[in-house]
Amino acid sequence: MYDLYDFPLYRPPSEAYSLIIQITLGCSHNRCSFCSMYKDKKFVIKPVEEIKKEIDAFRTIYKNRPVDKIFLADGDALVVPTKILAEILDYIKVVFPECKRVSVYGTAIAIHQKSVDELKLLYEKGLTLVYLGVESGDDDALKFIKKGVKAEKIVELSKKIMSTGIDLSITLIAGLMGKFQDNKNHAINTAKIIQDISPKYASILNLRLYEGTELYKLMQEGKYDYLEGVEVLKEMKMILENMDKTKFTKEVIFRANHASNYLNLKGNLPDDIDRMVAEIDRAIEHEAIDVNNYRFL
C-alpha cells in the first residue's frame, strides 16, 4: 500500500479511519510561516489516469472491507480544476459506491477560484466536507503568518462554500502571536470569525514550532518566543469568552482535543461556552496541564 503514497502524508485528525487518496502533491500556497508540512514538495496535480489506477488499487486492497470515508490529499486538493475533480468524484462513486463522505483540504484561494455553480456540482458529485485552515480572525495575525488573505474575505468565502451544501470545518491556532506580541486582538477576532462563519465544525490547535519554518528561524534569532502552558489556556479562555452567543447562525461542533492541546475541550457552540470556560479555569487553578506537550518537533 505504501507504494501508493508520496510521503510525507497528512490528514485532519477526524480522518483517522478514512481512506486517503493523493490527487495532488504538496500545497498550492505553501508560504505560511508556521507550517512545515509540504516544504520539501513541489505542488503538482496528479494525472487523472494515474489517480484512477490508484483508486482501483485501493479497491483491491479493501476488497473485503467497506470504505465509508475518503479524504483527498495533499494540502489543497480543492484547487484541482472542477472538471478533473468531478471526474475523480464520479470514479470514486463507481469504485467505492458504499462511500458516504469525501473530503478535502481547501485554501481560501481555491474557494475563490471556483464559482458557486462549480461548488454545487462538486457537492452533487459527492464532495461533502472541506477543511479550511483559518488560523486567526485577526488581519495583523494573518499578515504575520503570511496567510495571504484577510479575515473579511475568509468569512465571505466560507459562507460561499457552505451555501452550496458542502460542510465546512475550520481550524484556528492558539498561541500564534507568541510572547513578544499582544495576543488580545488575535483572541477577540478569532472568537468573532468563528461566530461570523458558524461552520459545521471548528477546532483550535496549539501552535507547535517545527525546525525549518520561518517562525522557528525567528525564535532562533530572538525575535519570537513560544507561548505555552497557562498563557495558552488564558488565550483559549479569552476566545471563548469573547464569543457573542446571539451571533451564531447555527450550532457549531467545537473541538480542542488535538495532540497539541494542553487541555482537551469539546462541546457545541454557543451552548457549551460557559462549561468549557469553567473547565479552563479549573485547569489553570490546579495546574492540570499536559506537560508532555512538546514545544518543538
C-alpha atoms as a PDB file:
ATOM      1  CA  MET A   1       0.000   0.000   0.000  1.00  0.00           C
ATOM      2  CA  TYR A   2       2.825   2.396   0.835  1.00  0.00           C
ATOM      3  CA  ASP A   3       3.913   2.493  -2.824  1.00  0.00           C
ATOM      4  CA  LEU A   4       0.682   4.370  -3.483  1.00  0.00           C
ATOM      5  CA  TYR A   5       1.762   7.327  -1.349  1.00  0.00           C
ATOM      6  CA  ASP A   6       4.269  10.119  -1.774  1.00  0.00           C
ATOM      7  CA  PHE A   7       5.372  10.870   1.783  1.00  0.00           C
ATOM      8  CA  PRO A   8       5.082  12.837   3.990  1.00  0.00           C
ATOM      9  CA  LEU A   9       1.338  12.302   4.133  1.00  0.00           C
ATOM     10  CA  TYR A  10      -1.008  14.406   6.266  1.00  0.00           C
ATOM     11  CA  ARG A  11      -4.690  14.286   7.112  1.00  0.00           C
ATOM     12  CA  PRO A  12      -7.067  16.006   9.555  1.00  0.00           C
ATOM     13  CA  PRO A  13      -7.449  14.196  12.912  1.00  0.00           C
ATOM     14  CA  SER A  14     -11.073  13.361  12.126  1.00  0.00           C
ATOM     15  CA  GLU A  15      -9.959  11.445   9.016  1.00  0.00           C
ATOM     16  CA  ALA A  16      -8.016   8.875  11.072  1.00  0.00           C
ATOM     17  CA  TYR A  17     -10.119   5.987   9.732  1.00  0.00           C
ATOM     18  CA  SER A  18     -10.592   7.311   6.210  1.00  0.00           C
ATOM     19  CA  LEU A  19      -9.013   6.014   3.037  1.00  0.00           C
ATOM     20  CA  ILE A  20      -6.545   8.675   1.877  1.00  0.00           C
ATOM     21  CA  ILE A  21      -6.058   9.178  -1.847  1.00  0.00           C
ATOM     22  CA  GLN A  22      -3.440  11.669  -3.034  1.00  0.00           C
ATOM     23  CA  ILE A  23      -4.734  13.599  -6.019  1.00  0.00           C
ATOM     24  CA  THR A  24      -2.240  16.437  -5.527  1.00  0.00           C
ATOM     25  CA  LEU A  25       1.225  16.584  -4.048  1.00  0.00           C
ATOM     26  CA  GLY A  26       2.112  19.458  -1.730  1.00  0.00           C
ATOM     27  CA  CYS A  27       0.233  22.694  -1.123  1.00  0.00           C
ATOM     28  CA  SER A  28      -0.556  25.378  -3.703  1.00  0.00           C
ATOM     29  CA  HIS A  29       0.068  28.186  -1.168  1.00  0.00           C
ATOM     30  CA  ASN A  30       2.897  26.703   0.924  1.00  0.00           C
ATOM     31  CA  ARG A  31       4.013  30.054   2.340  1.00  0.00           C
ATOM     32  CA  CYS A  32       2.566  30.051   5.873  1.00  0.00           C
ATOM     33  CA  SER A  33       5.352  30.952   8.293  1.00  0.00           C
ATOM     34  CA  PHE A  34       4.330  28.363  10.902  1.00  0.00           C
ATOM     35  CA  CYS A  35       3.841  25.359   8.595  1.00  0.00           C
ATOM     36  CA  SER A  36       6.411  22.725   7.689  1.00  0.00           C
ATOM     37  CA  MET A  37       4.087  20.157   6.152  1.00  0.00           C
ATOM     38  CA  TYR A  38       4.931  20.444   2.460  1.00  0.00           C
ATOM     39  CA  LYS A  39       8.191  22.404   2.333  1.00  0.00           C
ATOM     40  CA  ASP A  40      10.007  19.566   0.550  1.00  0.00           C
ATOM     41  CA  LYS A  41       7.300  19.033  -2.066  1.00  0.00           C
ATOM     42  CA  LYS A  42       6.648  20.901  -5.270  1.00  0.00           C
ATOM     43  CA  PHE A  43       2.924  21.340  -5.807  1.00  0.00           C
ATOM     44  CA  VAL A  44       1.541  19.227  -8.654  1.00  0.00           C
ATOM     45  CA  ILE A  45      -1.853  17.888  -9.689  1.00  0.00           C
ATOM     46  CA  LYS A  46      -1.501  14.216 -10.478  1.00  0.00           C
ATOM     47  CA  PRO A  47      -2.702  12.900 -13.864  1.00  0.00           C
ATOM     48  CA  VAL A  48      -6.293  11.655 -13.790  1.00  0.00           C
ATOM     49  CA  GLU A  49      -5.450   8.245 -15.215  1.00  0.00           C
ATOM     50  CA  GLU A  50      -2.802   7.727 -12.535  1.00  0.00           C
ATOM     51  CA  ILE A  51      -5.334   8.656  -9.843  1.00  0.00           C
ATOM     52  CA  LYS A  52      -7.876   6.205 -11.290  1.00  0.00           C
ATOM     53  CA  LYS A  53      -5.315   3.400 -11.257  1.00  0.00           C
ATOM     54  CA  GLU A  54      -4.595   4.148  -7.602  1.00  0.00           C
ATOM     55  CA  ILE A  55      -8.313   4.142  -6.782  1.00  0.00           C
ATOM     56  CA  ASP A  56      -8.546   0.712  -8.427  1.00  0.00           C
ATOM     57  CA  ALA A  57      -5.537  -0.473  -6.406  1.00  0.00           C
ATOM     58  CA  PHE A  58      -7.137   0.675  -3.167  1.00  0.00           C
ATOM     59  CA  ARG A  59     -10.319  -1.185  -4.102  1.00  0.00           C
ATOM     60  CA  THR A  60      -8.244  -4.351  -4.458  1.00  0.00           C
ATOM     61  CA  ILE A  61      -6.642  -3.734  -1.067  1.00  0.00           C
ATOM     62  CA  TYR A  62     -10.034  -3.086   0.554  1.00  0.00           C
ATOM     63  CA  LYS A  63     -11.975  -5.697  -1.425  1.00  0.00           C
ATOM     64  CA  ASN A  64     -13.421  -7.272   1.718  1.00  0.00           C
ATOM     65  CA  ARG A  65     -13.765  -4.081   3.723  1.00  0.00           C
ATOM     66  CA  PRO A  66     -16.268  -1.260   3.168  1.00  0.00           C
ATOM     67  CA  VAL A  67     -14.833   2.243   2.805  1.00  0.00           C
ATOM     68  CA  ASP A  68     -17.191   4.784   4.375  1.00  0.00           C
ATOM     69  CA  LYS A  69     -14.969   7.870   4.143  1.00  0.00           C
ATOM     70  CA  ILE A  70     -12.341   9.071   1.695  1.00  0.00           C
ATOM     71  CA  PHE A  71     -10.001  12.016   2.152  1.00  0.00           C
ATOM     72  CA  LEU A  72      -8.418  13.530  -0.943  1.00  0.00           C
ATOM     73  CA  ALA A  73      -4.892  14.745  -0.182  1.00  0.00           C
ATOM     74  CA  ASP A  74      -2.481  16.620  -0.225  1.00  0.00           C
ATOM     75  CA  GLY A  75      -2.714  20.131   1.123  1.00  0.00           C
ATOM     76  CA  ASP A  76      -5.107  21.788  -1.289  1.00  0.00           C
ATOM     77  CA  ALA A  77      -6.972  19.227  -3.371  1.00  0.00           C
ATOM     78  CA  LEU A  78      -9.850  21.667  -3.835  1.00  0.00           C
ATOM     79  CA  VAL A  79      -7.643  23.701  -6.183  1.00  0.00           C
ATOM     80  CA  VAL A  80      -7.834  20.912  -8.781  1.00  0.00           C
ATOM     81  CA  PRO A  81      -9.804  22.145 -11.822  1.00  0.00           C
ATOM     82  CA  THR A  82     -13.503  21.409 -11.376  1.00  0.00           C
ATOM     83  CA  LYS A  83     -13.804  19.200 -14.456  1.00  0.00           C
ATOM     84  CA  ILE A  84     -10.970  16.955 -13.253  1.00  0.00           C
ATOM     85  CA  LEU A  85     -12.184  16.872  -9.654  1.00  0.00           C
ATOM     86  CA  ALA A  86     -15.706  15.982 -10.825  1.00  0.00           C
ATOM     87  CA  GLU A  87     -14.276  13.129 -12.905  1.00  0.00           C
ATOM     88  CA  ILE A  88     -12.388  11.812  -9.865  1.00  0.00           C
ATOM     89  CA  LEU A  89     -15.515  12.017  -7.700  1.00  0.00           C
ATOM     90  CA  ASP A  90     -17.525  10.172 -10.342  1.00  0.00           C
ATOM     91  CA  TYR A  91     -14.914   7.427 -10.444  1.00  0.00           C
ATOM     92  CA  ILE A  92     -14.903   7.117  -6.658  1.00  0.00           C
ATOM     93  CA  LYS A  93     -18.665   6.668  -6.778  1.00  0.00           C
ATOM     94  CA  VAL A  94     -18.274   3.807  -9.246  1.00  0.00           C
ATOM     95  CA  VAL A  95     -15.411   2.037  -7.468  1.00  0.00           C
ATOM     96  CA  PHE A  96     -16.493   2.759  -3.883  1.00  0.00           C
ATOM     97  CA  PRO A  97     -20.303   3.001  -4.076  1.00  0.00           C
ATOM     98  CA  GLU A  98     -20.544   2.493  -0.314  1.00  0.00           C
ATOM     99  CA  CYS A  99     -18.560   5.682   0.422  1.00  0.00           C
ATOM    100  CA  LYS A 100     -20.691   8.207   2.332  1.00  0.00           C
ATOM    101  CA  ARG A 101     -18.227  11.095   2.695  1.00  0.00           C
ATOM    102  CA  VAL A 102     -15.493  12.569   0.533  1.00  0.00           C
ATOM    103  CA  SER A 103     -13.473  15.438   1.994  1.00  0.00           C
ATOM    104  CA  VAL A 104     -10.515  17.658   1.071  1.00  0.00           C
ATOM    105  CA  TYR A 105      -8.244  20.345   2.412  1.00  0.00           C
ATOM    106  CA  GLY A 106      -9.020  23.651   0.725  1.00  0.00           C
ATOM    107  CA  THR A 107      -7.450  27.093   0.779  1.00  0.00           C
ATOM    108  CA  ALA A 108      -9.279  30.403   0.571  1.00  0.00           C
ATOM    109  CA  ILE A 109      -7.700  30.893  -2.863  1.00  0.00           C
ATOM    110  CA  ALA A 110      -9.137  27.595  -4.105  1.00  0.00           C
ATOM    111  CA  ILE A 111     -12.619  28.538  -2.883  1.00  0.00           C
ATOM    112  CA  HIS A 112     -12.261  31.966  -4.510  1.00  0.00           C
ATOM    113  CA  GLN A 113     -11.334  30.423  -7.848  1.00  0.00           C
ATOM    114  CA  LYS A 114     -14.430  28.242  -8.011  1.00  0.00           C
ATOM    115  CA  SER A 115     -17.888  29.606  -8.830  1.00  0.00           C
ATOM    116  CA  VAL A 116     -20.922  28.739  -6.746  1.00  0.00           C
ATOM    117  CA  ASP A 117     -22.165  26.559  -9.606  1.00  0.00           C
ATOM    118  CA  GLU A 118     -18.873  24.670  -9.701  1.00  0.00           C
ATOM    119  CA  LEU A 119     -19.008  24.058  -5.952  1.00  0.00           C
ATOM    120  CA  LYS A 120     -22.626  22.903  -6.238  1.00  0.00           C
ATOM    121  CA  LEU A 121     -21.568  20.474  -8.958  1.00  0.00           C
ATOM    122  CA  LEU A 122     -18.813  19.062  -6.748  1.00  0.00           C
ATOM    123  CA  TYR A 123     -21.328  18.645  -3.929  1.00  0.00           C
ATOM    124  CA  GLU A 124     -23.692  16.784  -6.250  1.00  0.00           C
ATOM    125  CA  LYS A 125     -20.785  14.569  -7.301  1.00  0.00           C
ATOM    126  CA  GLY A 126     -20.105  13.632  -3.671  1.00  0.00           C
ATOM    127  CA  LEU A 127     -17.772  16.222  -2.127  1.00  0.00           C
ATOM    128  CA  THR A 128     -19.351  16.756   1.280  1.00  0.00           C
ATOM    129  CA  LEU A 129     -16.712  18.339   3.518  1.00  0.00           C
ATOM    130  CA  VAL A 130     -13.911  20.897   3.120  1.00  0.00           C
ATOM    131  CA  TYR A 131     -11.250  21.611   5.756  1.00  0.00           C
ATOM    132  CA  LEU A 132     -10.104  25.234   5.802  1.00  0.00           C
ATOM    133  CA  GLY A 133      -7.126  26.469   7.817  1.00  0.00           C
ATOM    134  CA  VAL A 134      -8.341  29.861   9.038  1.00  0.00           C
ATOM    135  CA  GLU A 135      -5.698  30.143  11.814  1.00  0.00           C
ATOM    136  CA  SER A 136      -6.895  33.553  13.086  1.00  0.00           C
ATOM    137  CA  GLY A 137      -9.643  36.115  12.678  1.00  0.00           C
ATOM    138  CA  ASP A 138      -7.205  38.994  13.076  1.00  0.00           C
ATOM    139  CA  ASP A 139      -5.733  40.667   9.989  1.00  0.00           C
ATOM    140  CA  ASP A 140      -2.435  41.515  11.680  1.00  0.00           C
ATOM    141  CA  ALA A 141      -2.014  37.879  12.732  1.00  0.00           C
ATOM    142  CA  LEU A 142      -2.911  36.649   9.246  1.00  0.00           C
ATOM    143  CA  LYS A 143      -0.316  39.002   7.762  1.00  0.00           C
ATOM    144  CA  PHE A 144       2.275  37.879  10.328  1.00  0.00           C
ATOM    145  CA  ILE A 145       1.880  34.219   9.325  1.00  0.00           C
ATOM    146  CA  LYS A 146       1.723  35.075   5.580  1.00  0.00           C
ATOM    147  CA  LYS A 147      -1.699  33.570   5.091  1.00  0.00           C
ATOM    148  CA  GLY A 148      -2.323  35.709   2.024  1.00  0.00           C
ATOM    149  CA  VAL A 149      -5.925  36.620   2.824  1.00  0.00           C
ATOM    150  CA  LYS A 150      -7.824  38.916   5.189  1.00  0.00           C
ATOM    151  CA  ALA A 151     -10.439  37.852   7.732  1.00  0.00           C
ATOM    152  CA  GLU A 152     -13.353  39.523   5.952  1.00  0.00           C
ATOM    153  CA  LYS A 153     -12.565  37.579   2.781  1.00  0.00           C
ATOM    154  CA  ILE A 154     -12.296  34.319   4.727  1.00  0.00           C
ATOM    155  CA  VAL A 155     -15.803  34.863   6.110  1.00  0.00           C
ATOM    156  CA  GLU A 156     -17.142  35.661   2.637  1.00  0.00           C
ATOM    157  CA  LEU A 157     -15.572  32.575   1.064  1.00  0.00           C
ATOM    158  CA  SER A 158     -16.659  30.345   3.944  1.00  0.00           C
ATOM    159  CA  LYS A 159     -20.266  31.401   3.501  1.00  0.00           C
ATOM    160  CA  LYS A 160     -19.925  30.882  -0.235  1.00  0.00           C
ATOM    161  CA  ILE A 161     -18.898  27.263   0.109  1.00  0.00           C
ATOM    162  CA  MET A 162     -21.459  26.483   2.809  1.00  0.00           C
ATOM    163  CA  SER A 163     -24.241  27.912   0.623  1.00  0.00           C
ATOM    164  CA  THR A 164     -23.676  25.036  -1.801  1.00  0.00           C
ATOM    165  CA  GLY A 165     -24.401  22.295   0.757  1.00  0.00           C
ATOM    166  CA  ILE A 166     -20.773  21.425   1.433  1.00  0.00           C
ATOM    167  CA  ASP A 167     -19.947  21.252   5.143  1.00  0.00           C
ATOM    168  CA  LEU A 168     -17.035  23.357   6.372  1.00  0.00           C
ATOM    169  CA  SER A 169     -14.521  22.532   9.090  1.00  0.00           C
ATOM    170  CA  ILE A 170     -12.262  25.403  10.150  1.00  0.00           C
ATOM    171  CA  THR A 171      -9.054  25.226  12.147  1.00  0.00           C
ATOM    172  CA  LEU A 172      -7.572  28.016  14.264  1.00  0.00           C
ATOM    173  CA  ILE A 173      -4.335  28.279  16.242  1.00  0.00           C
ATOM    174  CA  ALA A 174      -3.907  29.314  19.876  1.00  0.00           C
ATOM    175  CA  GLY A 175      -0.617  30.940  20.865  1.00  0.00           C
ATOM    176  CA  LEU A 176       0.009  32.074  17.311  1.00  0.00           C
ATOM    177  CA  MET A 177       1.490  35.502  18.079  1.00  0.00           C
ATOM    178  CA  GLY A 178       3.969  34.301  20.698  1.00  0.00           C
ATOM    179  CA  LYS A 179       5.176  36.131  23.805  1.00  0.00           C
ATOM    180  CA  PHE A 180       6.532  39.263  22.151  1.00  0.00           C
ATOM    181  CA  GLN A 181       3.242  40.397  20.632  1.00  0.00           C
ATOM    182  CA  ASP A 182      -0.156  41.253  22.062  1.00  0.00           C
ATOM    183  CA  ASN A 183      -2.434  38.224  21.671  1.00  0.00           C
ATOM    184  CA  LYS A 184      -5.592  40.105  22.650  1.00  0.00           C
ATOM    185  CA  ASN A 185      -6.700  41.095  19.142  1.00  0.00           C
ATOM    186  CA  HIS A 186      -5.908  37.632  17.837  1.00  0.00           C
ATOM    187  CA  ALA A 187      -8.135  36.094  20.532  1.00  0.00           C
ATOM    188  CA  ILE A 188     -11.011  38.579  20.205  1.00  0.00           C
ATOM    189  CA  ASN A 189     -11.101  38.445  16.410  1.00  0.00           C
ATOM    190  CA  THR A 190     -10.734  34.678  16.366  1.00  0.00           C
ATOM    191  CA  ALA A 191     -13.862  34.480  18.514  1.00  0.00           C
ATOM    192  CA  LYS A 192     -15.584  36.798  16.059  1.00  0.00           C
ATOM    193  CA  ILE A 193     -14.644  34.857  12.945  1.00  0.00           C
ATOM    194  CA  ILE A 194     -15.900  31.576  14.414  1.00  0.00           C
ATOM    195  CA  GLN A 195     -19.313  33.071  15.181  1.00  0.00           C
ATOM    196  CA  ASP A 196     -19.451  35.005  11.906  1.00  0.00           C
ATOM    197  CA  ILE A 197     -18.776  31.882   9.849  1.00  0.00           C
ATOM    198  CA  SER A 198     -20.733  29.461  12.077  1.00  0.00           C
ATOM    199  CA  PRO A 199     -19.263  26.410  10.284  1.00  0.00           C
ATOM    200  CA  LYS A 200     -20.300  22.822  10.888  1.00  0.00           C
ATOM    201  CA  TYR A 201     -17.050  22.216  12.759  1.00  0.00           C
ATOM    202  CA  ALA A 202     -14.456  24.459  14.413  1.00  0.00           C
ATOM    203  CA  SER A 203     -11.265  23.348  16.133  1.00  0.00           C
ATOM    204  CA  ILE A 204      -8.451  25.173  17.882  1.00  0.00           C
ATOM    205  CA  LEU A 205      -4.962  23.707  17.991  1.00  0.00           C
ATOM    206  CA  ASN A 206      -1.953  24.911  19.933  1.00  0.00           C
ATOM    207  CA  LEU A 207       0.976  26.205  17.916  1.00  0.00           C
ATOM    208  CA  ARG A 208       3.908  23.863  17.593  1.00  0.00           C
ATOM    209  CA  LEU A 209       7.200  25.092  16.203  1.00  0.00           C
ATOM    210  CA  TYR A 210       8.883  22.977  13.561  1.00  0.00           C
ATOM    211  CA  GLU A 211      12.507  23.266  12.542  1.00  0.00           C
ATOM    212  CA  GLY A 212      12.805  24.799   9.101  1.00  0.00           C
ATOM    213  CA  THR A 213       9.804  27.112   9.392  1.00  0.00           C
ATOM    214  CA  GLU A 214      10.065  30.899   9.392  1.00  0.00           C
ATOM    215  CA  LEU A 215       8.738  31.144  12.957  1.00  0.00           C
ATOM    216  CA  TYR A 216      11.372  28.684  14.153  1.00  0.00           C
ATOM    217  CA  LYS A 217      14.042  30.813  12.494  1.00  0.00           C
ATOM    218  CA  LEU A 218      12.636  33.961  14.142  1.00  0.00           C
ATOM    219  CA  MET A 219      12.797  32.185  17.501  1.00  0.00           C
ATOM    220  CA  GLN A 220      16.439  31.310  16.941  1.00  0.00           C
ATOM    221  CA  GLU A 221      17.116  34.974  16.133  1.00  0.00           C
ATOM    222  CA  GLY A 222      15.411  36.064  19.372  1.00  0.00           C
ATOM    223  CA  LYS A 223      12.559  37.778  17.524  1.00  0.00           C
ATOM    224  CA  TYR A 224       9.834  35.308  18.512  1.00  0.00           C
ATOM    225  CA  ASP A 225       9.165  33.264  21.613  1.00  0.00           C
ATOM    226  CA  TYR A 226       6.779  30.418  22.145  1.00  0.00           C
ATOM    227  CA  LEU A 227       3.580  30.919  24.137  1.00  0.00           C
ATOM    228  CA  GLU A 228       2.765  27.852  26.198  1.00  0.00           C
ATOM    229  CA  GLY A 229       1.009  26.329  29.179  1.00  0.00           C
ATOM    230  CA  VAL A 230      -1.184  28.590  31.273  1.00  0.00           C
ATOM    231  CA  GLU A 231      -0.754  31.509  28.890  1.00  0.00           C
ATOM    232  CA  VAL A 232      -2.224  29.489  26.029  1.00  0.00           C
ATOM    233  CA  LEU A 233      -5.136  28.413  28.219  1.00  0.00           C
ATOM    234  CA  LYS A 234      -5.778  32.044  29.110  1.00  0.00           C
ATOM    235  CA  GLU A 235      -5.895  32.845  25.409  1.00  0.00           C
ATOM    236  CA  MET A 236      -8.314  29.957  24.817  1.00  0.00           C
ATOM    237  CA  LYS A 237     -10.492  31.330  27.595  1.00  0.00           C
ATOM    238  CA  MET A 238     -10.398  34.790  26.036  1.00  0.00           C
ATOM    239  CA  ILE A 239     -11.507  33.356  22.696  1.00  0.00           C
ATOM    240  CA  LEU A 240     -14.479  31.561  24.253  1.00  0.00           C
ATOM    241  CA  GLU A 241     -15.485  34.496  26.459  1.00  0.00           C
ATOM    242  CA  ASN A 242     -15.492  36.912  23.526  1.00  0.00           C
ATOM    243  CA  MET A 243     -17.967  34.881  21.502  1.00  0.00           C
ATOM    244  CA  ASP A 244     -21.355  36.565  21.186  1.00  0.00           C
ATOM    245  CA  LYS A 245     -23.872  33.759  21.639  1.00  0.00           C
ATOM    246  CA  THR A 246     -26.533  35.692  19.713  1.00  0.00           C
ATOM    247  CA  LYS A 247     -24.375  35.940  16.564  1.00  0.00           C
ATOM    248  CA  PHE A 248     -24.177  32.225  15.782  1.00  0.00           C
ATOM    249  CA  THR A 249     -26.422  31.298  12.864  1.00  0.00           C
ATOM    250  CA  LYS A 250     -26.352  27.604  13.774  1.00  0.00           C
ATOM    251  CA  GLU A 251     -24.799  25.165  16.216  1.00  0.00           C
ATOM    252  CA  VAL A 252     -21.056  24.619  15.765  1.00  0.00           C
ATOM    253  CA  ILE A 253     -19.362  21.392  16.816  1.00  0.00           C
ATOM    254  CA  PHE A 254     -16.246  22.594  18.641  1.00  0.00           C
ATOM    255  CA  ARG A 255     -13.092  20.666  19.475  1.00  0.00           C
ATOM    256  CA  ALA A 256      -9.757  21.486  21.110  1.00  0.00           C
ATOM    257  CA  ASN A 257      -8.641  17.909  21.709  1.00  0.00           C
ATOM    258  CA  HIS A 258      -5.739  17.590  19.292  1.00  0.00           C
ATOM    259  CA  ALA A 259      -2.447  16.090  20.491  1.00  0.00           C
ATOM    260  CA  SER A 260      -1.072  19.647  20.602  1.00  0.00           C
ATOM    261  CA  ASN A 261      -3.670  20.954  23.063  1.00  0.00           C
ATOM    262  CA  TYR A 262      -2.751  21.387  26.728  1.00  0.00           C
ATOM    263  CA  LEU A 263      -6.342  20.748  27.778  1.00  0.00           C
ATOM    264  CA  ASN A 264      -8.901  18.661  25.938  1.00  0.00           C
ATOM    265  CA  LEU A 265     -12.092  20.598  25.318  1.00  0.00           C
ATOM    266  CA  LYS A 266     -15.148  19.621  23.329  1.00  0.00           C
ATOM    267  CA  GLY A 267     -18.686  20.863  23.102  1.00  0.00           C
ATOM    268  CA  ASN A 268     -21.170  22.693  20.951  1.00  0.00           C
ATOM    269  CA  LEU A 269     -21.146  26.421  20.352  1.00  0.00           C
ATOM    270  CA  PRO A 270     -22.662  28.515  21.729  1.00  0.00           C
ATOM    271  CA  ASP A 271     -24.378  26.259  24.298  1.00  0.00           C
ATOM    272  CA  ASP A 272     -21.247  24.864  25.961  1.00  0.00           C
ATOM    273  CA  ILE A 273     -19.148  28.037  26.123  1.00  0.00           C
ATOM    274  CA  ASP A 274     -19.672  28.601  29.859  1.00  0.00           C
ATOM    275  CA  ARG A 275     -18.895  24.981  30.721  1.00  0.00           C
ATOM    276  CA  MET A 276     -15.657  24.995  28.724  1.00  0.00           C
ATOM    277  CA  VAL A 277     -14.565  28.294  30.274  1.00  0.00           C
ATOM    278  CA  ALA A 278     -15.142  26.733  33.710  1.00  0.00           C
ATOM    279  CA  GLU A 279     -13.025  23.726  32.680  1.00  0.00           C
ATOM    280  CA  ILE A 280     -10.199  26.055  31.663  1.00  0.00           C
ATOM    281  CA  ASP A 281     -10.455  27.910  34.993  1.00  0.00           C
ATOM    282  CA  ARG A 282     -10.185  24.635  36.914  1.00  0.00           C
ATOM    283  CA  ALA A 283      -7.176  23.526  34.862  1.00  0.00           C
ATOM    284  CA  ILE A 284      -5.411  26.826  35.485  1.00  0.00           C
ATOM    285  CA  GLU A 285      -6.236  26.774  39.203  1.00  0.00           C
ATOM    286  CA  HIS A 286      -4.995  23.207  39.695  1.00  0.00           C
ATOM    287  CA  GLU A 287      -2.249  23.429  37.051  1.00  0.00           C
ATOM    288  CA  ALA A 288      -3.829  20.423  35.343  1.00  0.00           C
ATOM    289  CA  ILE A 289      -1.905  20.930  32.109  1.00  0.00           C
ATOM    290  CA  ASP A 290      -0.401  18.242  29.906  1.00  0.00           C
ATOM    291  CA  VAL A 291       3.320  18.683  30.497  1.00  0.00           C
ATOM    292  CA  ASN A 292       4.088  16.113  27.808  1.00  0.00           C
ATOM    293  CA  ASN A 293       3.091  18.569  25.108  1.00  0.00           C
ATOM    294  CA  TYR A 294       6.285  19.069  23.134  1.00  0.00           C
ATOM    295  CA  ARG A 295       7.208  22.591  22.088  1.00  0.00           C
ATOM    296  CA  PHE A 296       9.446  21.812  19.162  1.00  0.00           C
ATOM    297  CA  LEU A 297       9.467  18.969  16.632  1.00  0.00           C
END
